[in-house]
Amino acid sequence: MKRQLTALIAVVAAVGLLFVSCGGKKNAQANDGSVLHVQVGPSPETIDPALNSAVDGANMIIHAFEGLLKFDRDNNIVAGCAEKWEQSSDGLTWTFHLRNGLKWSDGSALTAEDFVYAWKRVADPLTAAPYGYDLLNLVVGYEEASAGDVDKLGVEAPDANTFVVHLVSPCIYFDKIAAFAVLVPVQKATIEQNGEAWTVNPNTYVTNGPYYMTEFTDGSRIVFKKNPNYWDAKNITFDSIVWHLIEDANTAYTAYNQGNIQMIKDVPTEEIPALRGGNEFYMDPIMGTYYVTFNTKKAPFDNAKVREALSLAIDRNYVANVIMQGTYSPAKNFVGPGISDAADGSSFEEVTRTKYGDHFNTANYEADLAKAKALLAEAGYPEGKGFPAFEYLTNDSGYHKAVAEYLQGVYAELGLTMTVNIQEWKTVTADRRTGNFDVARNGWVYDWDDPSNMINLLETNNGNNDGKYSSVQFDKFVDLARSATDVAQHYDYLHQAEQVLLNDAAMAPVAYYNDFWLQKTNLKNTWHSPYGYWYFMYGSLE
């Protein structure tokens, strides 16, 4: 999320770091109980809260920044920078009361004006925040702000400790939006003085959360140190967290086995059968879907029949249970298990199955494959004749390469020629966002428990809509769901929106996510959330 030569240099640097850490001061530091060493991914595309849209970057951001609200270990919304908050009787005004004496990591005062600046920055078209539309379109004045007049955004600071947000319509999950990492405060002075480079220099990465940065070495590591100016610093345990930016799972696994890293997210897939069942291997379900994105601005992927054919040709059972070794579950719709619906304790996926049935018949792949061939012929490409060669963009970690090679073989059986383009993760995310791809691996882990958080990805103006899919009917349902004050109606509109996506093959759901990782048995009191985040700030090495 650099080209192959850069990737090679990064891997060599990572390996070199491991050799250094096998002896002397580095190794001693790795075993120091006050320092935690983790690997949650390679070099992120960005750790600018407004620009990040990936889980690895978000894991770092939640340790460096804190928003108005936050999630606790039970996934409940709790006080963050705001010690209390309330909404008006009509649901249109939310008022957040900040704690007294909040400070930035450089010791300067943090006030409600910092939230005003940060939220306007997310809305500013010059920022090009991927989440800007999705998070803020329900705030008064967003349309004008997104056109360049950011002062029209309905946020204000009547005093230093009060932040007020004005909405165009009530939002039943706005507290979850206020807890999201994109909307944390950022310091205006450091960004205006340093521009885009503010996030890669420890001297300018001014934060307000549990940690601040002391080292940034792209392709190697980022080091965070405990922030003494954080309001809850007394409860933050580790003096430092070292984020090892390792792209290659085997390299991460070697470092873990040598005792240089206490937790790794990227586990070599060939090691999983032997590791499963062990007391250091963890697997948790998370709210998210692994899917294939089609660039709908390029022919022939602008044809819904082509997209549906490519989607139905995927044997989701085989991918999830054989290629992914049962660490994922086959996708039958777009929204997977664990996402709430209207009634207490109900599941959006279960309601979908009752009302509409499953879109993909994972028990009868041959029927789906036959339909795929028929659709391809209807689209004007019988047995693949005349279909242009195309490229599949992915990164090489986890099962991504294996899935890409599987798809290459499946599409060859349809008479199609697909090449696999493997890039660094930060290149993949950048190319997807700019439309520099034909077909690409994609995935989404929820930021909050509401199906809109993933369904809305395909809305015309959503900055995370990598394939640039657009449907008037779909956008209508999403807009109705967003403004619905009746909970049951909100979810019903989202069900209808999901059916539009599935019937239009706006993307190809493949599997539902689980996170799996290795963690040393002496690493205690951390937790993993259903949004794919690890919380290390209260942990300990015993």
Protein backbone atom coordinates (compact mmCIF):
# COMPACT_ATOMS: atom_id res chain seq x y z
CA MET A 1 0.00 0.00 0.00
CA LYS A 2 6.58 0.82 -4.55
CA ARG A 3 7.36 -1.54 -7.22
CA GLN A 4 9.22 -4.87 -7.06
CA LEU A 5 12.69 -3.44 -6.52
CA THR A 6 11.46 -1.33 -3.61
CA ALA A 7 9.68 -4.34 -2.16
CA LEU A 8 12.91 -6.35 -2.32
CA ILE A 9 14.81 -3.58 -0.55
CA ALA A 10 12.13 -3.48 2.16
CA VAL A 11 12.36 -7.22 2.76
CA VAL A 12 16.16 -7.12 2.89
CA ALA A 13 15.97 -4.26 5.38
CA ALA A 14 13.54 -6.21 7.53
CA VAL A 15 15.72 -9.31 7.48
CA GLY A 16 18.76 -7.20 8.30
CA LEU A 17 16.94 -5.78 11.29
CA LEU A 18 16.21 -9.28 12.54
CA PHE A 19 19.87 -10.29 12.32
CA VAL A 20 20.83 -7.17 14.29
CA SER A 21 18.22 -7.99 16.91
CA CYS A 22 19.58 -11.49 17.52
CA GLY A 23 22.19 -10.09 19.85
CA GLY A 24 23.17 -7.05 21.82
CA LYS A 25 20.98 -4.13 22.72
CA LYS A 26 18.14 -4.81 20.24
CA ASN A 27 17.51 -8.31 21.56
CA ALA A 28 17.63 -7.11 25.15
CA GLN A 29 15.03 -4.50 24.26
CA ALA A 30 12.77 -7.15 22.70
CA ASN A 31 12.66 -9.01 26.00
CA ASP A 32 12.18 -5.88 28.11
CA GLY A 33 8.74 -6.10 29.70
CA SER A 34 8.21 -2.36 29.20
CA VAL A 35 8.57 -2.62 25.40
CA LEU A 36 6.13 -4.48 23.17
CA HIS A 37 7.11 -5.65 19.67
CA VAL A 38 4.28 -6.39 17.23
CA GLN A 39 3.63 -6.89 13.52
CA VAL A 40 0.16 -5.94 12.27
CA GLY A 41 1.13 -5.43 8.62
CA PRO A 42 3.71 -3.94 6.23
CA SER A 43 4.40 -0.22 5.73
CA PRO A 44 0.97 1.43 5.72
CA GLU A 45 0.02 3.75 2.89
CA THR A 46 -0.55 6.45 5.50
CA ILE A 47 -1.06 7.01 9.23
CA ASP A 48 -2.80 10.32 8.67
CA PRO A 49 -6.17 9.76 10.38
CA ALA A 50 -8.05 11.65 7.66
CA LEU A 51 -6.46 9.71 4.80
CA ASN A 52 -6.19 6.19 6.19
CA SER A 53 -8.70 3.56 5.08
CA ALA A 54 -6.81 0.37 5.99
CA VAL A 55 -6.89 -1.72 9.15
CA ASP A 56 -3.11 -1.80 9.64
CA GLY A 57 -2.85 1.99 9.63
CA ALA A 58 -5.90 2.25 11.89
CA ASN A 59 -4.30 -0.07 14.45
CA MET A 60 -1.46 2.43 14.81
CA ILE A 61 -3.74 5.47 14.77
CA ILE A 62 -5.91 4.24 17.68
CA HIS A 63 -2.75 3.99 19.79
CA ALA A 64 -1.60 7.50 18.83
CA PHE A 65 -4.89 9.42 18.82
CA GLU A 66 -8.18 9.53 20.68
CA GLY A 67 -11.48 10.91 19.45
CA LEU A 68 -14.51 12.25 21.23
CA LEU A 69 -15.67 8.71 22.05
CA LYS A 70 -14.08 5.26 21.80
CA PHE A 71 -14.81 1.53 22.11
CA ASP A 72 -14.00 -0.51 25.21
CA ARG A 73 -12.97 -4.18 25.34
CA ASP A 74 -16.63 -5.22 25.18
CA ASN A 75 -17.17 -3.07 22.08
CA ASN A 76 -19.29 -0.56 23.97
CA ILE A 77 -19.12 3.17 23.27
CA VAL A 78 -17.40 4.96 26.18
CA ALA A 79 -16.02 8.40 26.93
CA GLY A 80 -12.84 9.46 25.16
CA CYS A 81 -11.81 13.10 24.96
CA ALA A 82 -15.45 13.90 25.69
CA GLU A 83 -16.36 12.96 29.24
CA LYS A 84 -20.09 13.35 28.53
CA TRP A 85 -22.36 14.02 25.55
CA GLU A 86 -26.00 14.39 24.66
CA GLN A 87 -28.27 14.83 21.65
CA SER A 88 -31.21 17.18 21.27
CA SER A 89 -34.77 15.86 21.45
CA ASP A 90 -35.10 16.03 17.65
CA GLY A 91 -31.80 14.15 17.20
CA LEU A 92 -30.31 16.93 15.06
CA THR A 93 -27.77 18.40 17.49
CA TRP A 94 -25.05 16.48 19.30
CA THR A 95 -23.08 18.22 22.02
CA PHE A 96 -19.80 16.83 23.35
CA HIS A 97 -18.25 18.14 26.58
CA LEU A 98 -14.47 17.72 26.61
CA ARG A 99 -12.42 16.79 29.65
CA ASN A 100 -10.61 19.64 31.35
CA GLY A 101 -6.90 20.03 30.70
CA LEU A 102 -6.55 17.95 27.50
CA LYS A 103 -3.12 18.30 25.88
CA TRP A 104 -1.26 17.37 22.72
CA SER A 105 1.85 15.22 22.99
CA ASP A 106 3.96 18.39 22.64
CA GLY A 107 2.36 19.75 25.83
CA SER A 108 0.19 22.42 24.19
CA ALA A 109 -3.50 22.71 25.02
CA LEU A 110 -6.08 20.73 23.03
CA THR A 111 -9.47 22.43 22.71
CA ALA A 112 -12.79 21.95 20.91
CA GLU A 113 -11.43 24.11 18.07
CA ASP A 114 -9.05 21.25 17.26
CA PHE A 115 -12.03 19.01 16.58
CA VAL A 116 -13.61 21.73 14.43
CA TYR A 117 -10.40 21.90 12.37
CA ALA A 118 -10.07 18.12 12.07
CA TRP A 119 -13.66 17.55 10.95
CA LYS A 120 -13.50 20.39 8.43
CA ARG A 121 -10.22 18.95 7.13
CA VAL A 122 -11.94 15.60 6.50
CA ALA A 123 -14.68 17.43 4.55
CA ASP A 124 -12.20 19.60 2.59
CA PRO A 125 -11.88 18.43 -1.06
CA LEU A 126 -8.18 19.36 -0.94
CA THR A 127 -7.66 16.66 1.69
CA ALA A 128 -9.41 14.02 -0.45
CA ALA A 129 -10.29 11.95 2.61
CA PRO A 130 -11.65 8.54 1.51
CA TYR A 131 -14.21 8.60 4.31
CA GLY A 132 -15.21 12.25 3.93
CA TYR A 133 -18.56 11.71 2.20
CA ASP A 134 -19.52 8.58 4.10
CA LEU A 135 -18.95 10.10 7.54
CA LEU A 136 -19.95 13.70 7.08
CA ASN A 137 -22.65 13.90 4.39
CA LEU A 138 -25.24 13.84 7.18
CA VAL A 139 -23.71 16.97 8.78
CA VAL A 140 -25.29 20.32 7.92
CA GLY A 141 -23.36 22.13 5.18
CA TYR A 142 -21.36 19.12 3.98
CA GLU A 143 -22.21 19.73 0.33
CA GLU A 144 -20.82 23.28 0.46
CA ALA A 145 -17.83 22.14 2.55
CA SER A 146 -16.99 19.34 0.11
CA ALA A 147 -17.08 21.93 -2.69
CA GLY A 148 -14.43 24.00 -0.91
CA ASP A 149 -16.27 26.23 1.57
CA VAL A 150 -15.32 24.23 4.68
CA ASP A 151 -16.64 26.87 7.07
CA LYS A 152 -20.15 25.86 6.03
CA LEU A 153 -19.77 22.50 7.78
CA GLY A 154 -22.14 22.34 10.76
CA VAL A 155 -19.59 21.95 13.52
CA GLU A 156 -18.74 24.57 16.14
CA ALA A 157 -16.89 25.20 19.38
CA PRO A 158 -18.95 27.62 21.54
CA ASP A 159 -16.18 27.38 24.14
CA ALA A 160 -12.87 25.57 24.61
CA ASN A 161 -14.47 22.48 26.13
CA THR A 162 -17.62 22.16 24.01
CA PHE A 163 -17.91 20.69 20.51
CA VAL A 164 -21.28 20.77 18.74
CA VAL A 165 -22.37 18.94 15.58
CA HIS A 166 -25.53 19.82 13.62
CA LEU A 167 -27.09 17.06 11.49
CA VAL A 168 -29.48 17.35 8.54
CA SER A 169 -31.42 14.35 9.85
CA PRO A 170 -31.19 12.11 12.92
CA CYS A 171 -28.68 9.28 12.77
CA ILE A 172 -29.23 6.25 14.98
CA TYR A 173 -25.53 5.33 14.96
CA PHE A 174 -23.89 8.77 15.18
CA ASP A 175 -22.16 7.92 18.46
CA LYS A 176 -20.29 5.17 16.59
CA ILE A 177 -19.24 7.66 13.92
CA ALA A 178 -17.95 9.98 16.66
CA ALA A 179 -15.83 7.08 17.96
CA PHE A 180 -14.27 6.36 14.56
CA ALA A 181 -10.51 6.92 14.12
CA VAL A 182 -10.86 9.19 11.05
CA LEU A 183 -12.54 11.87 13.18
CA VAL A 184 -9.87 12.18 15.87
CA PRO A 185 -8.39 15.64 16.39
CA VAL A 186 -5.23 16.61 14.53
CA GLN A 187 -3.05 19.64 15.28
CA LYS A 188 -3.54 22.45 12.77
CA ALA A 189 -0.12 24.06 13.31
CA THR A 190 1.94 20.94 12.60
CA ILE A 191 -0.05 20.09 9.45
CA GLU A 192 0.06 23.62 8.05
CA GLN A 193 3.80 23.87 8.70
CA ASN A 194 4.77 20.43 7.38
CA GLY A 195 2.16 19.45 4.81
CA GLU A 196 1.83 15.78 3.86
CA ALA A 197 5.19 14.97 5.50
CA TRP A 198 3.82 15.54 9.00
CA THR A 199 3.09 11.83 9.53
CA VAL A 200 6.57 10.47 8.73
CA ASN A 201 8.63 12.59 11.12
CA PRO A 202 8.57 11.95 14.88
CA ASN A 203 9.08 15.67 15.49
CA THR A 204 5.90 16.60 13.62
CA TYR A 205 3.58 13.64 14.30
CA VAL A 206 1.88 15.41 17.18
CA THR A 207 -0.74 13.17 18.80
CA ASN A 208 -3.24 13.26 21.66
CA GLY A 209 -3.63 9.58 22.52
CA PRO A 210 -1.77 7.01 24.63
CA TYR A 211 1.43 7.17 22.52
CA TYR A 212 3.55 9.49 20.39
CA MET A 213 6.10 8.62 17.70
CA THR A 214 9.87 8.49 18.33
CA GLU A 215 11.03 6.68 15.16
CA PHE A 216 9.74 6.24 11.59
CA THR A 217 11.76 3.98 9.29
CA ASP A 218 9.70 3.10 6.23
CA GLY A 219 9.88 -0.60 5.41
CA SER A 220 11.42 -1.37 8.79
CA ARG A 221 9.64 -0.08 11.88
CA ILE A 222 7.71 2.67 13.63
CA VAL A 223 8.29 3.23 17.35
CA PHE A 224 5.70 4.72 19.70
CA LYS A 225 6.50 5.90 23.22
CA LYS A 226 4.06 6.44 26.08
CA ASN A 227 2.58 9.94 26.00
CA PRO A 228 2.88 11.56 29.46
CA ASN A 229 0.42 14.26 28.37
CA TYR A 230 -2.40 11.81 27.66
CA TRP A 231 -5.25 12.33 30.13
CA ASP A 232 -5.29 8.62 31.13
CA ALA A 233 -1.51 8.06 31.00
CA LYS A 234 -1.48 6.43 34.44
CA ASN A 235 -3.34 3.42 33.03
CA ILE A 236 -1.19 2.98 29.92
CA THR A 237 1.18 0.11 30.58
CA PHE A 238 3.87 -0.34 27.92
CA ASP A 239 6.54 2.37 27.81
CA SER A 240 7.00 1.71 24.07
CA ILE A 241 5.39 -0.18 21.20
CA VAL A 242 7.55 -1.14 18.22
CA TRP A 243 5.51 -1.71 15.05
CA HIS A 244 7.56 -3.99 12.78
CA LEU A 245 6.66 -3.21 9.15
CA ILE A 246 7.20 -6.64 7.66
CA GLU A 247 5.61 -7.54 4.32
CA ASP A 248 6.72 -11.18 4.17
CA ALA A 249 4.91 -13.59 6.51
CA ASN A 250 7.88 -15.96 6.72
CA THR A 251 10.12 -13.13 7.87
CA ALA A 252 7.57 -12.18 10.53
CA TYR A 253 7.28 -15.81 11.63
CA THR A 254 11.06 -16.15 11.97
CA ALA A 255 11.22 -13.01 14.12
CA TYR A 256 8.38 -14.34 16.27
CA ASN A 257 10.06 -17.71 16.79
CA GLN A 258 13.33 -16.01 17.71
CA GLY A 259 11.50 -14.09 20.45
CA ASN A 260 12.03 -10.69 18.83
CA ILE A 261 8.30 -10.03 18.32
CA GLN A 262 5.52 -10.92 20.75
CA MET A 263 2.60 -10.83 18.28
CA ILE A 264 2.33 -11.20 14.49
CA LYS A 265 -0.75 -10.80 12.34
CA ASP A 266 0.76 -12.27 9.15
CA VAL A 267 1.21 -15.99 9.73
CA PRO A 268 2.60 -18.16 6.87
CA THR A 269 -0.40 -20.04 5.53
CA GLU A 270 1.58 -23.27 5.16
CA GLU A 271 2.23 -23.25 8.92
CA ILE A 272 -1.42 -22.94 9.94
CA PRO A 273 -2.33 -26.68 10.02
CA ALA A 274 0.46 -27.33 12.53
CA LEU A 275 -0.25 -24.20 14.56
CA ARG A 276 -4.02 -24.54 14.91
CA GLY A 277 -4.97 -25.82 18.32
CA GLY A 278 -1.80 -24.48 19.89
CA ASN A 279 -1.97 -22.01 22.76
CA GLU A 280 -0.26 -19.26 20.73
CA PHE A 281 -2.55 -19.45 17.67
CA TYR A 282 -5.66 -17.28 17.84
CA MET A 283 -8.60 -17.00 15.47
CA ASP A 284 -11.47 -14.59 16.00
CA PRO A 285 -14.40 -13.76 13.74
CA ILE A 286 -14.47 -10.16 12.62
CA MET A 287 -17.12 -8.13 10.87
CA GLY A 288 -15.99 -8.06 7.28
CA THR A 289 -16.08 -9.50 3.76
CA TYR A 290 -13.28 -10.46 1.36
CA TYR A 291 -14.37 -9.51 -2.14
CA VAL A 292 -13.30 -8.81 -5.72
CA THR A 293 -13.63 -5.27 -7.08
CA PHE A 294 -14.38 -4.62 -10.75
CA ASN A 295 -13.33 -1.35 -12.35
CA THR A 296 -16.75 -0.43 -13.73
CA LYS A 297 -15.25 2.49 -15.64
CA LYS A 298 -13.44 0.05 -17.93
CA ALA A 299 -15.00 -2.23 -20.52
CA PRO A 300 -15.99 -5.04 -20.32
CA PHE A 301 -16.42 -4.66 -16.53
CA ASP A 302 -19.03 -1.96 -17.12
CA ASN A 303 -21.32 -4.82 -18.20
CA ALA A 304 -23.31 -6.32 -15.30
CA LYS A 305 -23.57 -9.70 -17.07
CA VAL A 306 -19.77 -9.89 -17.31
CA ARG A 307 -19.38 -9.04 -13.63
CA GLU A 308 -22.00 -11.59 -12.62
CA ALA A 309 -20.31 -14.27 -14.75
CA LEU A 310 -16.92 -13.62 -13.16
CA SER A 311 -18.54 -13.69 -9.73
CA LEU A 312 -20.53 -16.91 -10.21
CA ALA A 313 -17.44 -18.67 -11.56
CA ILE A 314 -15.88 -18.55 -8.09
CA ASP A 315 -16.28 -21.70 -5.98
CA ARG A 316 -16.61 -19.97 -2.63
CA ASN A 317 -16.63 -23.19 -0.64
CA TYR A 318 -13.34 -24.25 -2.22
CA VAL A 319 -11.73 -20.85 -1.64
CA ALA A 320 -12.78 -20.60 2.02
CA ASN A 321 -12.32 -24.21 3.11
CA VAL A 322 -9.43 -25.40 0.93
CA ILE A 323 -7.33 -22.42 -0.15
CA MET A 324 -8.02 -20.50 3.08
CA GLN A 325 -7.97 -23.72 5.15
CA GLY A 326 -11.25 -22.96 6.90
CA THR A 327 -9.92 -19.76 8.43
CA TYR A 328 -12.58 -17.87 6.46
CA SER A 329 -16.22 -18.76 5.69
CA PRO A 330 -17.77 -18.87 2.20
CA ALA A 331 -19.75 -15.73 1.36
CA LYS A 332 -23.40 -16.25 0.46
CA ASN A 333 -24.28 -12.54 0.35
CA PHE A 334 -22.37 -9.26 0.76
CA VAL A 335 -23.08 -8.59 4.47
CA GLY A 336 -21.81 -11.46 6.58
CA PRO A 337 -22.50 -12.80 10.09
CA GLY A 338 -22.33 -10.77 13.28
CA ILE A 339 -23.91 -7.56 11.94
CA SER A 340 -26.99 -6.42 13.82
CA ASP A 341 -30.50 -5.97 12.47
CA ALA A 342 -33.54 -4.15 13.86
CA ALA A 343 -34.66 -6.56 16.58
CA ASP A 344 -32.44 -7.09 19.61
CA GLY A 345 -30.19 -10.07 19.03
CA SER A 346 -31.11 -10.39 15.36
CA SER A 347 -28.58 -10.72 12.55
CA PHE A 348 -28.73 -8.85 9.24
CA GLU A 349 -27.45 -11.96 7.45
CA GLU A 350 -30.17 -14.16 8.96
CA VAL A 351 -32.89 -11.70 8.00
CA THR A 352 -31.49 -11.59 4.45
CA ARG A 353 -31.66 -15.37 4.24
CA THR A 354 -35.28 -15.39 5.46
CA LYS A 355 -36.50 -12.58 3.19
CA TYR A 356 -34.44 -13.12 0.04
CA GLY A 357 -32.50 -16.36 0.35
CA ASP A 358 -28.77 -16.63 -0.26
CA HIS A 359 -27.51 -15.04 -3.46
CA PHE A 360 -24.78 -17.63 -3.96
CA ASN A 361 -25.61 -21.33 -3.84
CA THR A 362 -22.40 -22.53 -2.28
CA ALA A 363 -23.77 -26.08 -2.08
CA ASN A 364 -24.20 -26.29 -5.87
CA TYR A 365 -21.22 -24.63 -7.51
CA GLU A 366 -21.79 -26.46 -10.82
CA ALA A 367 -25.11 -24.67 -11.25
CA ASP A 368 -23.48 -21.30 -10.64
CA LEU A 369 -20.66 -22.15 -13.07
CA ALA A 370 -23.15 -23.12 -15.80
CA LYS A 371 -24.96 -19.82 -15.27
CA ALA A 372 -21.63 -17.96 -15.47
CA LYS A 373 -20.88 -19.48 -18.88
CA ALA A 374 -24.37 -18.61 -20.14
CA LEU A 375 -24.07 -15.01 -18.93
CA LEU A 376 -20.69 -14.61 -20.59
CA ALA A 377 -22.23 -15.75 -23.87
CA GLU A 378 -25.18 -13.37 -23.43
CA ALA A 379 -22.68 -10.54 -22.90
CA GLY A 380 -21.15 -11.31 -26.31
CA TYR A 381 -18.21 -13.47 -25.25
CA PRO A 382 -19.19 -17.12 -25.90
CA GLU A 383 -16.49 -19.38 -24.42
CA GLY A 384 -14.51 -16.21 -23.78
CA LYS A 385 -14.07 -15.32 -27.45
CA GLY A 386 -13.26 -11.65 -27.94
CA PHE A 387 -12.84 -10.98 -24.23
CA PRO A 388 -9.76 -8.76 -23.69
CA ALA A 389 -6.90 -9.96 -21.53
CA PHE A 390 -7.08 -8.34 -18.11
CA GLU A 391 -5.08 -7.94 -14.91
CA TYR A 392 -5.83 -8.82 -11.29
CA LEU A 393 -4.22 -6.52 -8.72
CA THR A 394 -3.28 -7.94 -5.33
CA ASN A 395 -0.60 -8.01 -2.65
CA ASP A 396 1.30 -11.12 -1.59
CA SER A 397 0.35 -11.83 1.98
CA GLY A 398 -1.96 -14.32 3.62
CA TYR A 399 -3.99 -16.14 0.99
CA HIS A 400 -4.08 -13.33 -1.55
CA LYS A 401 -1.60 -14.82 -4.05
CA ALA A 402 -3.17 -18.27 -3.79
CA VAL A 403 -6.64 -16.83 -4.38
CA ALA A 404 -5.34 -14.84 -7.36
CA GLU A 405 -3.82 -17.96 -8.91
CA TYR A 406 -7.06 -19.87 -8.32
CA LEU A 407 -9.05 -17.14 -10.09
CA GLN A 408 -6.56 -17.17 -12.94
CA GLY A 409 -7.24 -20.89 -13.44
CA VAL A 410 -11.02 -20.58 -13.11
CA TYR A 411 -11.22 -17.77 -15.63
CA ALA A 412 -8.96 -19.68 -18.01
CA GLU A 413 -11.62 -22.41 -18.02
CA LEU A 414 -14.06 -19.75 -19.23
CA GLY A 415 -11.66 -18.90 -22.05
CA LEU A 416 -10.38 -15.73 -20.41
CA THR A 417 -6.78 -14.57 -19.98
CA MET A 418 -6.01 -12.99 -16.63
CA THR A 419 -2.54 -12.03 -15.42
CA VAL A 420 -1.73 -11.48 -11.76
CA ASN A 421 -0.11 -8.19 -10.74
CA ILE A 422 1.41 -8.49 -7.26
CA GLN A 423 2.41 -5.23 -5.61
CA GLU A 424 3.27 -3.91 -2.17
CA TRP A 425 0.23 -3.29 0.00
CA LYS A 426 0.49 0.50 -0.04
CA THR A 427 0.74 0.41 -3.83
CA VAL A 428 -2.35 -1.78 -4.05
CA THR A 429 -4.47 0.60 -1.97
CA ALA A 430 -3.25 3.66 -3.88
CA ASP A 431 -3.85 2.05 -7.30
CA ARG A 432 -7.31 0.85 -6.35
CA ARG A 433 -8.33 4.30 -5.18
CA THR A 434 -7.10 6.00 -8.37
CA GLY A 435 -8.69 3.40 -10.66
CA ASN A 436 -5.34 2.04 -11.87
CA PHE A 437 -6.57 -1.57 -12.18
CA ASP A 438 -8.95 -3.86 -14.06
CA VAL A 439 -9.97 -6.26 -11.31
CA ALA A 440 -8.55 -6.24 -7.79
CA ARG A 441 -8.71 -8.10 -4.52
CA ASN A 442 -10.49 -6.07 -1.91
CA GLY A 443 -12.04 -6.43 1.50
CA TRP A 444 -13.74 -4.45 4.19
CA VAL A 445 -13.76 -4.78 7.95
CA TYR A 446 -16.49 -2.79 9.64
CA ASP A 447 -15.76 0.41 11.52
CA TRP A 448 -18.99 0.15 13.50
CA ASP A 449 -21.81 -2.35 13.85
CA ASP A 450 -24.26 -1.23 11.19
CA PRO A 451 -24.60 -2.82 7.73
CA SER A 452 -24.52 0.65 6.17
CA ASN A 453 -20.83 0.83 7.00
CA MET A 454 -20.09 -1.69 4.23
CA ILE A 455 -23.11 -1.37 1.97
CA ASN A 456 -22.48 2.38 1.60
CA LEU A 457 -19.02 1.65 0.18
CA LEU A 458 -20.63 1.26 -3.24
CA GLU A 459 -22.49 4.59 -3.10
CA THR A 460 -21.63 6.82 -6.06
CA ASN A 461 -19.83 9.52 -4.05
CA ASN A 462 -18.16 7.29 -1.46
CA GLY A 463 -14.39 7.81 -1.40
CA ASN A 464 -13.87 4.10 -0.72
CA ASN A 465 -15.84 3.07 -3.83
CA ASP A 466 -12.72 1.84 -5.65
CA GLY A 467 -14.59 0.32 -8.60
CA LYS A 468 -16.60 3.54 -9.14
CA TYR A 469 -19.86 1.59 -9.27
CA SER A 470 -22.92 3.84 -9.60
CA SER A 471 -26.64 3.08 -9.40
CA VAL A 472 -29.47 5.60 -8.96
CA GLN A 473 -31.69 2.95 -7.38
CA PHE A 474 -29.00 1.83 -4.96
CA ASP A 475 -28.10 5.40 -3.97
CA LYS A 476 -31.78 6.07 -3.27
CA PHE A 477 -32.08 3.17 -0.83
CA VAL A 478 -28.85 4.16 0.93
CA ASP A 479 -30.02 7.75 1.31
CA LEU A 480 -33.39 6.62 2.67
CA ALA A 481 -31.66 4.32 5.17
CA ARG A 482 -29.35 7.10 6.28
CA SER A 483 -32.17 9.50 7.11
CA ALA A 484 -34.62 6.93 8.52
CA THR A 485 -35.53 7.56 12.16
CA ASP A 486 -37.39 4.26 12.49
CA VAL A 487 -34.89 1.50 13.21
CA ALA A 488 -36.81 -1.23 11.38
CA GLN A 489 -37.16 1.00 8.31
CA HIS A 490 -33.44 1.81 8.39
CA TYR A 491 -32.53 -1.86 8.14
CA ASP A 492 -35.22 -2.65 5.57
CA TYR A 493 -33.84 0.00 3.19
CA LEU A 494 -30.37 -1.47 3.66
CA HIS A 495 -31.66 -4.95 2.80
CA GLN A 496 -33.11 -3.56 -0.41
CA ALA A 497 -29.85 -1.76 -1.16
CA GLU A 498 -27.85 -4.98 -0.69
CA GLN A 499 -30.13 -6.80 -3.13
CA VAL A 500 -29.46 -4.13 -5.78
CA LEU A 501 -25.71 -4.63 -5.31
CA LEU A 502 -25.92 -8.41 -5.53
CA ASN A 503 -28.25 -8.47 -8.52
CA ASP A 504 -26.07 -5.92 -10.31
CA ALA A 505 -22.84 -7.77 -9.38
CA ALA A 506 -21.39 -4.48 -8.17
CA MET A 507 -18.60 -6.58 -6.65
CA ALA A 508 -17.99 -10.29 -6.07
CA PRO A 509 -18.17 -11.34 -2.40
CA VAL A 510 -15.82 -14.29 -1.81
CA ALA A 511 -15.52 -15.04 1.91
CA TYR A 512 -16.31 -13.72 5.37
CA TYR A 513 -13.33 -12.71 7.44
CA ASN A 514 -11.74 -14.17 10.51
CA ASP A 515 -8.55 -12.71 11.95
CA PHE A 516 -5.83 -15.19 12.88
CA TRP A 517 -2.54 -14.40 14.52
CA LEU A 518 0.22 -15.63 16.80
CA GLN A 519 0.69 -14.19 20.27
CA LYS A 520 3.09 -15.18 23.03
CA THR A 521 1.44 -16.68 26.08
CA ASN A 522 3.05 -14.12 28.38
CA LEU A 523 1.39 -11.21 26.56
CA LYS A 524 -1.68 -10.50 28.69
CA ASN A 525 -4.57 -8.04 28.97
CA THR A 526 -4.72 -7.05 25.30
CA TRP A 527 -7.86 -7.48 23.25
CA HIS A 528 -8.95 -7.88 19.66
CA SER A 529 -12.12 -6.17 18.45
CA PRO A 530 -14.64 -7.39 15.85
CA TYR A 531 -13.46 -4.48 13.69
CA GLY A 532 -10.00 -6.03 13.33
CA TYR A 533 -8.19 -3.80 15.83
CA TRP A 534 -5.76 -4.91 18.52
CA TYR A 535 -5.64 -2.89 21.71
CA PHE A 536 -2.18 -3.13 23.25
CA MET A 537 -2.10 0.00 25.40
CA TYR A 538 -3.33 -1.77 28.56
CA GLY A 539 -1.40 -5.02 28.08
CA SER A 540 1.54 -6.52 29.93
CA LEU A 541 4.37 -9.01 29.45
CA GLU A 542 4.42 -11.38 32.42
